[in-house]
N, C-alpha and C. Protein backbone atom coordinates (compact mmCIF):
# COMPACT_ATOMS: atom_id res chain seq x y z
N MET A 1 25.29 -33.93 -143.81
CA MET A 1 26.57 -34.51 -143.20
C MET A 1 26.23 -35.79 -142.44
N LEU A 2 25.17 -35.26 -141.38
CA LEU A 2 25.00 -36.81 -140.21
C LEU A 2 24.02 -37.83 -140.93
N ALA A 3 23.44 -37.38 -142.44
CA ALA A 3 22.44 -38.54 -142.69
C ALA A 3 23.78 -39.57 -143.60
N VAL A 4 24.62 -39.06 -143.91
CA VAL A 4 25.64 -39.49 -144.68
C VAL A 4 27.00 -40.38 -144.22
N MET A 5 27.28 -40.15 -142.96
CA MET A 5 27.68 -40.67 -141.71
C MET A 5 26.79 -41.80 -141.23
N SER A 6 25.48 -41.79 -141.02
CA SER A 6 24.79 -42.86 -140.65
C SER A 6 24.24 -43.93 -141.54
N HIS A 7 24.61 -43.45 -142.80
CA HIS A 7 24.51 -44.06 -143.86
C HIS A 7 25.44 -44.75 -144.09
N ALA A 8 27.07 -44.45 -143.83
CA ALA A 8 28.14 -45.32 -143.75
C ALA A 8 28.54 -45.97 -142.77
N LEU A 9 27.81 -45.50 -141.40
CA LEU A 9 27.63 -46.54 -140.44
C LEU A 9 27.08 -47.66 -140.51
N LEU A 10 26.09 -47.31 -141.32
CA LEU A 10 24.89 -48.68 -141.17
C LEU A 10 26.00 -49.86 -142.69
N LEU A 11 26.22 -48.89 -143.18
CA LEU A 11 26.83 -50.02 -144.72
C LEU A 11 27.74 -50.85 -143.90
N LEU A 12 28.55 -49.74 -142.95
CA LEU A 12 30.09 -50.76 -142.40
C LEU A 12 29.00 -51.78 -141.16
N TYR A 13 27.94 -51.58 -141.02
CA TYR A 13 27.32 -52.95 -139.84
C TYR A 13 26.84 -53.75 -141.35
N HIS A 14 26.36 -53.58 -142.20
CA HIS A 14 25.96 -54.54 -143.12
C HIS A 14 27.37 -55.47 -143.48
N PHE A 15 28.30 -54.85 -143.72
CA PHE A 15 29.44 -55.45 -144.36
C PHE A 15 29.90 -56.51 -143.37
N VAL A 16 30.09 -56.14 -142.12
CA VAL A 16 30.63 -56.68 -141.02
C VAL A 16 29.83 -57.92 -141.09
N PHE A 17 28.61 -58.01 -140.60
CA PHE A 17 27.44 -58.76 -139.98
C PHE A 17 27.48 -60.04 -141.61
N SER A 18 27.79 -59.53 -142.72
CA SER A 18 27.77 -60.05 -143.95
C SER A 18 28.62 -61.39 -144.10
N PHE A 19 29.65 -60.41 -143.73
CA PHE A 19 31.09 -61.02 -144.10
C PHE A 19 31.45 -61.83 -142.56
N ILE A 20 30.52 -61.90 -141.17
CA ILE A 20 30.62 -63.04 -140.31
C ILE A 20 29.52 -64.04 -140.73
N SER A 21 28.78 -64.02 -141.67
CA SER A 21 27.36 -65.07 -141.96
C SER A 21 28.28 -65.78 -142.98
N SER A 22 28.62 -65.46 -143.73
CA SER A 22 29.79 -65.89 -145.29
C SER A 22 31.19 -66.88 -144.64
N ILE A 23 31.40 -66.18 -143.52
CA ILE A 23 32.60 -66.74 -143.03
C ILE A 23 32.09 -68.30 -142.52
N SER A 24 30.97 -68.02 -141.68
CA SER A 24 30.45 -68.99 -140.57
C SER A 24 30.08 -70.17 -141.47
N PHE A 25 29.48 -69.67 -142.58
CA PHE A 25 28.56 -70.80 -143.46
C PHE A 25 29.71 -71.53 -144.32
N GLY A 26 31.12 -70.58 -144.65
CA GLY A 26 32.00 -71.67 -145.11
C GLY A 26 32.80 -72.28 -144.05
N ILE A 27 32.61 -72.25 -142.83
CA ILE A 27 33.25 -72.88 -141.63
C ILE A 27 32.51 -74.39 -141.80
N ILE A 28 31.47 -73.94 -141.85
CA ILE A 28 30.22 -75.22 -141.62
C ILE A 28 30.24 -75.98 -142.82
N CYS A 29 30.24 -75.99 -144.16
CA CYS A 29 30.45 -76.32 -145.27
C CYS A 29 31.97 -76.73 -145.61
N ASP A 30 32.94 -76.53 -144.80
CA ASP A 30 34.22 -77.20 -144.73
C ASP A 30 34.84 -76.72 -145.81
N VAL A 31 35.05 -75.44 -146.32
CA VAL A 31 35.63 -74.97 -147.32
C VAL A 31 37.05 -74.84 -147.13
N PRO A 32 38.18 -74.74 -147.56
CA PRO A 32 39.44 -74.37 -147.63
C PRO A 32 39.67 -73.20 -146.46
N ARG A 33 40.38 -73.48 -145.39
CA ARG A 33 40.55 -72.22 -144.49
C ARG A 33 41.59 -71.25 -145.16
N LYS A 34 41.78 -71.38 -145.99
CA LYS A 34 42.63 -70.45 -146.82
C LYS A 34 41.83 -69.28 -147.65
N THR A 35 40.76 -69.90 -147.68
CA THR A 35 40.02 -69.05 -148.79
C THR A 35 38.82 -68.26 -147.86
N LEU A 36 38.79 -68.43 -146.41
CA LEU A 36 37.40 -68.14 -145.85
C LEU A 36 37.54 -66.54 -145.77
N VAL A 37 38.55 -66.42 -145.34
CA VAL A 37 38.52 -64.27 -145.26
C VAL A 37 38.27 -63.93 -146.75
N THR A 38 38.53 -64.49 -147.66
CA THR A 38 38.30 -63.79 -149.31
C THR A 38 36.76 -64.16 -149.77
N GLY A 39 36.03 -64.96 -149.08
CA GLY A 39 35.18 -65.48 -149.63
C GLY A 39 33.98 -64.71 -148.49
N GLY A 40 34.62 -64.55 -147.40
CA GLY A 40 33.58 -63.70 -146.41
C GLY A 40 33.72 -62.05 -147.47
N ILE A 41 34.92 -61.49 -147.85
CA ILE A 41 34.59 -60.30 -148.17
C ILE A 41 34.02 -60.46 -149.45
N ILE A 42 34.21 -61.56 -150.55
CA ILE A 42 33.01 -61.45 -151.40
C ILE A 42 31.58 -61.59 -150.90
N GLY A 43 31.61 -62.12 -149.59
CA GLY A 43 29.74 -62.36 -149.47
C GLY A 43 29.40 -60.85 -148.81
N ALA A 44 30.43 -60.43 -148.15
CA ALA A 44 29.98 -59.11 -147.85
C ALA A 44 29.70 -58.00 -148.89
N ILE A 45 30.87 -57.67 -150.04
CA ILE A 45 30.54 -57.07 -151.39
C ILE A 45 29.02 -57.33 -151.78
N GLY A 46 28.56 -58.76 -152.07
CA GLY A 46 27.59 -59.15 -152.53
C GLY A 46 26.33 -58.33 -151.82
N TRP A 47 26.45 -58.58 -150.49
CA TRP A 47 25.70 -58.40 -149.58
C TRP A 47 25.50 -56.70 -150.15
N CYS A 48 26.48 -55.88 -149.63
CA CYS A 48 26.32 -54.56 -149.34
C CYS A 48 25.71 -54.14 -151.25
N GLY A 49 26.14 -54.51 -151.90
CA GLY A 49 25.88 -54.15 -153.45
C GLY A 49 24.41 -54.49 -153.30
N TYR A 50 23.83 -55.67 -152.88
CA TYR A 50 22.11 -55.50 -152.85
C TYR A 50 21.59 -55.08 -151.62
N TRP A 51 22.16 -54.92 -150.74
CA TRP A 51 21.60 -53.61 -149.63
C TRP A 51 21.32 -52.49 -150.09
N GLU A 52 22.17 -52.02 -151.15
CA GLU A 52 22.60 -50.44 -151.58
C GLU A 52 21.09 -50.40 -152.99
N MET A 53 20.61 -51.42 -153.52
CA MET A 53 20.03 -50.77 -154.46
C MET A 53 19.01 -51.48 -153.80
N TRP A 54 18.61 -52.11 -152.81
CA TRP A 54 17.23 -52.01 -152.40
C TRP A 54 16.73 -51.07 -151.33
N SER A 55 17.94 -50.46 -150.25
CA SER A 55 17.60 -49.28 -149.63
C SER A 55 17.17 -47.92 -150.71
N HIS A 56 18.04 -47.99 -151.92
CA HIS A 56 17.66 -46.90 -153.00
C HIS A 56 16.16 -47.14 -153.85
N GLY A 57 15.39 -48.21 -153.73
CA GLY A 57 14.27 -48.36 -154.08
C GLY A 57 13.66 -49.37 -155.09
N HIS A 58 15.32 -49.91 -155.74
CA HIS A 58 15.26 -50.68 -156.78
C HIS A 58 14.52 -51.77 -156.02
N SER A 59 14.08 -52.89 -157.37
CA SER A 59 13.31 -53.87 -157.21
C SER A 59 14.03 -55.11 -156.29
N VAL A 60 13.53 -56.28 -155.62
CA VAL A 60 14.41 -57.03 -155.03
C VAL A 60 15.03 -57.97 -156.65
N PHE A 61 14.35 -57.90 -157.79
CA PHE A 61 15.04 -58.65 -158.95
C PHE A 61 16.25 -58.49 -159.02
N MET A 62 16.23 -56.90 -159.31
CA MET A 62 17.22 -56.05 -159.73
C MET A 62 18.46 -55.85 -158.66
N SER A 63 17.97 -56.00 -157.39
CA SER A 63 18.82 -55.85 -156.31
C SER A 63 19.96 -57.34 -155.89
N SER A 64 18.66 -58.54 -156.47
CA SER A 64 19.67 -59.47 -156.67
C SER A 64 20.55 -59.89 -157.81
N LEU A 65 19.89 -59.31 -158.84
CA LEU A 65 21.03 -59.40 -159.70
C LEU A 65 22.05 -58.49 -159.73
N VAL A 66 22.15 -57.46 -159.14
CA VAL A 66 23.45 -56.72 -159.03
C VAL A 66 24.59 -57.28 -158.04
N CYS A 67 23.80 -58.02 -157.30
CA CYS A 67 24.64 -58.74 -155.99
C CYS A 67 24.80 -60.08 -157.02
N SER A 68 24.41 -61.04 -157.38
CA SER A 68 24.89 -62.41 -157.83
C SER A 68 26.09 -61.34 -159.55
N LEU A 69 25.65 -60.80 -159.85
CA LEU A 69 27.23 -60.14 -160.87
C LEU A 69 27.93 -59.94 -159.82
N LEU A 70 28.20 -58.95 -158.68
CA LEU A 70 29.31 -58.71 -158.43
C LEU A 70 29.54 -60.03 -157.60
N LEU A 71 28.46 -61.05 -157.07
CA LEU A 71 29.60 -62.32 -156.06
C LEU A 71 29.62 -63.04 -157.52
N ALA A 72 29.62 -63.35 -158.55
CA ALA A 72 30.12 -64.40 -159.70
C ALA A 72 31.40 -63.65 -160.41
N ASN A 73 31.70 -62.57 -160.92
CA ASN A 73 32.50 -61.64 -161.31
C ASN A 73 33.69 -61.42 -160.06
N ILE A 74 33.61 -61.42 -158.94
CA ILE A 74 34.82 -61.58 -158.02
C ILE A 74 35.20 -62.56 -157.52
N GLY A 75 34.21 -63.57 -157.49
CA GLY A 75 34.85 -65.12 -157.00
C GLY A 75 35.34 -65.63 -158.72
N GLN A 76 35.22 -65.26 -159.86
CA GLN A 76 35.81 -65.99 -160.99
C GLN A 76 37.70 -65.19 -160.89
N ILE A 77 37.58 -63.60 -160.70
CA ILE A 77 38.60 -63.15 -160.60
C ILE A 77 39.52 -64.03 -159.14
N CYS A 78 38.95 -63.92 -158.10
CA CYS A 78 39.59 -64.74 -157.27
C CYS A 78 40.14 -66.00 -157.45
N ALA A 79 38.91 -66.64 -157.49
CA ALA A 79 39.09 -68.53 -158.12
C ALA A 79 40.85 -68.03 -159.46
N ILE A 80 40.30 -67.61 -160.29
CA ILE A 80 41.89 -67.65 -161.34
C ILE A 80 43.09 -66.97 -160.22
N LYS A 81 43.03 -65.92 -159.23
CA LYS A 81 44.38 -65.27 -158.60
C LYS A 81 44.80 -66.22 -157.87
N PHE A 82 43.62 -67.17 -157.47
CA PHE A 82 44.42 -68.01 -156.26
C PHE A 82 44.43 -69.39 -156.33
N LYS A 83 44.21 -69.50 -157.55
CA LYS A 83 43.74 -70.82 -158.44
C LYS A 83 43.20 -72.11 -157.30
N ASN A 84 42.08 -71.67 -157.01
CA ASN A 84 40.77 -72.77 -156.32
C ASN A 84 39.64 -72.45 -156.86
N PRO A 85 38.90 -73.80 -156.86
CA PRO A 85 37.44 -73.10 -157.64
C PRO A 85 36.56 -72.30 -157.21
N VAL A 86 36.29 -71.78 -158.13
CA VAL A 86 34.95 -70.95 -158.26
C VAL A 86 34.23 -70.68 -156.60
N THR A 87 33.58 -72.54 -156.46
CA THR A 87 32.56 -72.44 -155.47
C THR A 87 32.69 -72.06 -154.14
N VAL A 88 34.51 -72.02 -153.88
CA VAL A 88 34.78 -71.95 -152.25
C VAL A 88 34.77 -70.52 -152.32
N TYR A 89 34.57 -69.78 -153.14
CA TYR A 89 34.59 -68.22 -152.60
C TYR A 89 32.95 -68.08 -153.22
N PHE A 90 32.03 -68.60 -154.12
CA PHE A 90 30.73 -68.46 -154.56
C PHE A 90 29.85 -68.77 -153.63
N VAL A 91 29.93 -69.93 -152.90
CA VAL A 91 28.81 -70.85 -151.92
C VAL A 91 28.46 -70.02 -150.98
N PRO A 92 29.93 -69.70 -150.20
CA PRO A 92 29.55 -68.57 -148.83
C PRO A 92 29.42 -67.56 -149.21
N GLY A 93 29.35 -66.87 -149.95
CA GLY A 93 29.21 -65.37 -150.79
C GLY A 93 27.93 -65.42 -151.30
N LEU A 94 27.04 -66.04 -151.19
CA LEU A 94 25.76 -66.08 -151.79
C LEU A 94 25.04 -66.37 -150.42
N VAL A 95 25.60 -66.85 -149.08
CA VAL A 95 24.52 -67.20 -148.35
C VAL A 95 23.96 -66.10 -147.64
N PRO A 96 24.14 -64.92 -147.44
CA PRO A 96 23.86 -63.39 -146.59
C PRO A 96 22.34 -63.51 -147.99
N VAL A 97 22.39 -63.61 -149.38
CA VAL A 97 21.40 -63.24 -149.91
C VAL A 97 20.46 -63.88 -150.38
N VAL A 98 20.60 -65.57 -150.38
CA VAL A 98 19.59 -66.23 -150.51
C VAL A 98 18.18 -65.95 -149.33
N PRO A 99 17.07 -66.07 -150.17
CA PRO A 99 16.01 -65.65 -149.45
C PRO A 99 15.09 -66.53 -148.44
N GLY A 100 16.14 -67.50 -147.48
CA GLY A 100 15.94 -68.15 -146.91
C GLY A 100 14.81 -67.54 -145.67
N VAL A 101 14.89 -66.38 -145.12
CA VAL A 101 14.10 -66.30 -144.16
C VAL A 101 12.78 -65.45 -144.94
N THR A 102 12.73 -65.10 -146.30
CA THR A 102 11.94 -64.55 -146.25
C THR A 102 10.92 -65.91 -146.95
N ILE A 103 10.98 -67.44 -147.24
CA ILE A 103 10.14 -67.93 -147.98
C ILE A 103 9.74 -68.71 -146.29
N TYR A 104 10.35 -68.42 -145.10
CA TYR A 104 10.17 -68.91 -143.92
C TYR A 104 8.84 -67.94 -143.41
N ASP A 105 9.34 -66.87 -143.90
CA ASP A 105 8.11 -65.54 -143.84
C ASP A 105 6.74 -66.08 -144.28
N ALA A 106 7.19 -66.31 -145.68
CA ALA A 106 6.03 -66.74 -146.41
C ALA A 106 5.25 -67.77 -146.02
N PHE A 107 5.99 -68.90 -145.85
CA PHE A 107 5.01 -69.78 -144.91
C PHE A 107 4.28 -69.74 -143.87
N ARG A 108 5.07 -68.73 -142.89
CA ARG A 108 4.32 -68.22 -141.60
C ARG A 108 3.08 -67.65 -141.73
N THR A 109 3.00 -66.78 -143.07
CA THR A 109 2.26 -66.18 -143.25
C THR A 109 1.26 -67.13 -143.83
N LEU A 110 1.00 -67.96 -144.65
CA LEU A 110 0.58 -68.60 -144.75
C LEU A 110 -0.68 -69.47 -143.73
N LEU A 111 0.25 -70.06 -142.89
CA LEU A 111 0.13 -70.99 -142.19
C LEU A 111 -1.12 -70.05 -141.16
N LEU A 112 -0.79 -68.80 -141.33
CA LEU A 112 -1.99 -67.64 -140.39
C LEU A 112 -3.13 -67.57 -141.11
N ASP A 113 -3.14 -68.02 -142.36
CA ASP A 113 -3.98 -67.70 -142.97
C ASP A 113 -4.08 -66.61 -143.84
N ASP A 114 -3.20 -65.74 -143.81
CA ASP A 114 -2.69 -64.58 -144.77
C ASP A 114 -2.64 -64.73 -146.07
N TYR A 115 -3.18 -65.22 -146.90
CA TYR A 115 -2.98 -65.85 -147.97
C TYR A 115 -2.46 -64.20 -149.01
N GLY A 116 -3.25 -63.19 -148.65
CA GLY A 116 -3.01 -62.33 -149.67
C GLY A 116 -1.48 -62.05 -149.66
N ASN A 117 -0.73 -61.74 -148.20
CA ASN A 117 0.38 -61.21 -147.82
C ASN A 117 1.15 -62.32 -148.31
N SER A 118 0.74 -63.51 -147.95
CA SER A 118 1.79 -64.73 -148.25
C SER A 118 2.01 -64.84 -149.71
N GLY A 119 1.26 -64.92 -150.40
CA GLY A 119 0.92 -65.01 -152.22
C GLY A 119 2.53 -63.67 -152.58
N LYS A 120 2.49 -62.37 -151.67
CA LYS A 120 3.23 -61.71 -152.08
C LYS A 120 4.50 -61.54 -151.61
N ILE A 121 5.03 -62.32 -150.54
CA ILE A 121 5.85 -62.56 -149.87
C ILE A 121 6.78 -63.54 -150.81
N PHE A 122 5.94 -64.95 -151.18
CA PHE A 122 6.61 -65.68 -152.08
C PHE A 122 7.14 -65.46 -153.43
N LEU A 123 6.21 -64.35 -153.91
CA LEU A 123 6.29 -63.96 -155.28
C LEU A 123 8.15 -63.12 -155.29
N ASN A 124 8.39 -62.17 -154.22
CA ASN A 124 9.53 -61.19 -153.78
C ASN A 124 10.79 -62.41 -153.35
N SER A 125 10.55 -63.77 -152.86
CA SER A 125 11.24 -64.46 -152.49
C SER A 125 11.83 -64.68 -154.06
N PHE A 126 10.82 -65.26 -154.83
CA PHE A 126 10.71 -66.04 -156.45
C PHE A 126 11.55 -64.88 -157.22
N TYR A 127 11.34 -63.65 -156.72
CA TYR A 127 12.22 -62.62 -157.61
C TYR A 127 13.41 -62.47 -157.48
N GLY A 128 14.12 -63.10 -156.16
CA GLY A 128 15.05 -62.54 -155.52
C GLY A 128 15.92 -63.99 -156.03
N ALA A 129 15.42 -65.34 -156.02
CA ALA A 129 16.05 -66.23 -156.58
C ALA A 129 16.44 -66.54 -157.77
N ILE A 130 15.08 -65.64 -158.99
CA ILE A 130 15.57 -65.63 -160.22
C ILE A 130 16.51 -64.49 -160.65
N GLY A 131 16.33 -63.58 -159.57
CA GLY A 131 17.63 -62.39 -160.29
C GLY A 131 19.08 -62.89 -159.71
N LEU A 132 19.26 -64.00 -158.78
CA LEU A 132 20.57 -64.66 -158.77
C LEU A 132 20.81 -65.00 -159.43
N ALA A 133 19.80 -66.05 -159.78
CA ALA A 133 20.04 -67.60 -161.33
C ALA A 133 21.02 -66.66 -162.33
N VAL A 134 20.14 -65.54 -162.79
CA VAL A 134 20.25 -64.98 -163.92
C VAL A 134 21.24 -64.22 -164.31
N GLY A 135 21.80 -63.37 -163.00
CA GLY A 135 23.03 -62.67 -162.46
C GLY A 135 24.23 -63.81 -162.79
N ILE A 136 24.11 -65.04 -162.04
CA ILE A 136 25.07 -66.09 -162.14
C ILE A 136 25.49 -66.25 -163.42
N ILE A 137 24.12 -66.38 -164.24
CA ILE A 137 24.51 -66.90 -165.82
C ILE A 137 24.82 -65.96 -166.65
N ILE A 138 24.54 -64.56 -166.49
CA ILE A 138 24.84 -63.59 -167.51
C ILE A 138 26.53 -63.36 -167.04
N ALA A 139 27.07 -63.21 -165.43
CA ALA A 139 28.39 -63.31 -165.00
C ALA A 139 29.32 -64.29 -165.99
N ASP A 140 28.70 -65.52 -165.70
CA ASP A 140 29.37 -66.67 -166.74
C ASP A 140 30.10 -66.42 -167.76
N SER A 141 28.57 -66.13 -168.18
CA SER A 141 28.89 -65.97 -169.80
C SER A 141 29.47 -64.98 -169.88
N ILE A 142 29.84 -63.62 -169.39
CA ILE A 142 30.56 -62.36 -169.69
C ILE A 142 32.17 -63.15 -169.57
N PHE A 143 31.97 -64.12 -168.55
CA PHE A 143 33.81 -64.29 -168.51
C PHE A 143 34.42 -65.53 -169.30
N ARG A 144 33.32 -66.36 -169.28
CA ARG A 144 33.73 -67.11 -170.53
C ARG A 144 33.78 -66.62 -171.89
N VAL A 145 33.18 -65.66 -172.50
CA VAL A 145 33.49 -65.21 -173.73
C VAL A 145 34.77 -63.86 -173.35
N VAL A 146 34.33 -63.01 -172.88
CA VAL A 146 35.50 -61.89 -172.87
C VAL A 146 36.40 -61.88 -172.21
N LEU A 147 36.46 -62.37 -170.91
CA LEU A 147 37.89 -61.87 -169.70
C LEU A 147 38.34 -63.45 -170.15
N LYS A 148 37.72 -64.61 -170.19
CA LYS A 148 39.01 -65.93 -170.63
C LYS A 148 39.35 -65.59 -171.44
N PRO A 149 39.08 -65.21 -172.83
CA PRO A 149 39.87 -65.39 -174.04
C PRO A 149 41.38 -64.15 -173.55
N LEU A 150 41.05 -62.61 -173.06
CA LEU A 150 42.05 -62.17 -172.68
C LEU A 150 43.25 -62.55 -171.74
N LEU A 151 42.68 -63.22 -170.39
CA LEU A 151 43.45 -63.91 -170.00
C LEU A 151 44.57 -65.21 -170.53
N ASN A 152 43.79 -65.64 -171.25
CA ASN A 152 44.49 -66.94 -172.14
C ASN A 152 45.44 -66.21 -172.92
N LYS A 153 45.36 -64.49 -173.47
CA LYS A 153 45.84 -64.38 -174.62
C LYS A 153 47.44 -63.79 -173.57
N ARG A 154 46.93 -63.24 -172.63
CA ARG A 154 48.22 -62.73 -171.92
C ARG A 154 49.25 -63.89 -171.36
N SER A 155 48.52 -64.72 -170.71
CA SER A 155 49.40 -66.13 -170.45
C SER A 155 50.27 -66.73 -171.26
N LYS A 156 50.24 -66.72 -172.67
CA LYS A 156 50.45 -67.07 -173.64
C LYS A 156 52.12 -66.35 -174.53
């Protein structure tokens, strides 16, 4: 019971700070104020999906793939529902999972002449970036082929 409670608190911790991160980046990028909270929630959901997958032993690629599928699909739905471009939801939502700190760490270890460790870290950040890109492509394709025709039928 205690392990479940501590896991739930840890998940809440990740949700709150990724929400703040997404909103902060949205403010920096000057996205419309009315989309900030929604973009923050999308970013928090995406990060929590990444964190859950990674903490249960899945690879960085699979974790990033699931995260970007969540981000892209929820972003598309919000874009249609609130009649805004998908980028105002997706760009701030993507910030918590972009492998920026990992790339920094890879360069730091490279400069410290730890070439083996640096190569591993570079590869992990590459896998994360590829997972994000593949997830976005898959989600966009699914949306265009499956969901958009259904939404067009409903509106007629």
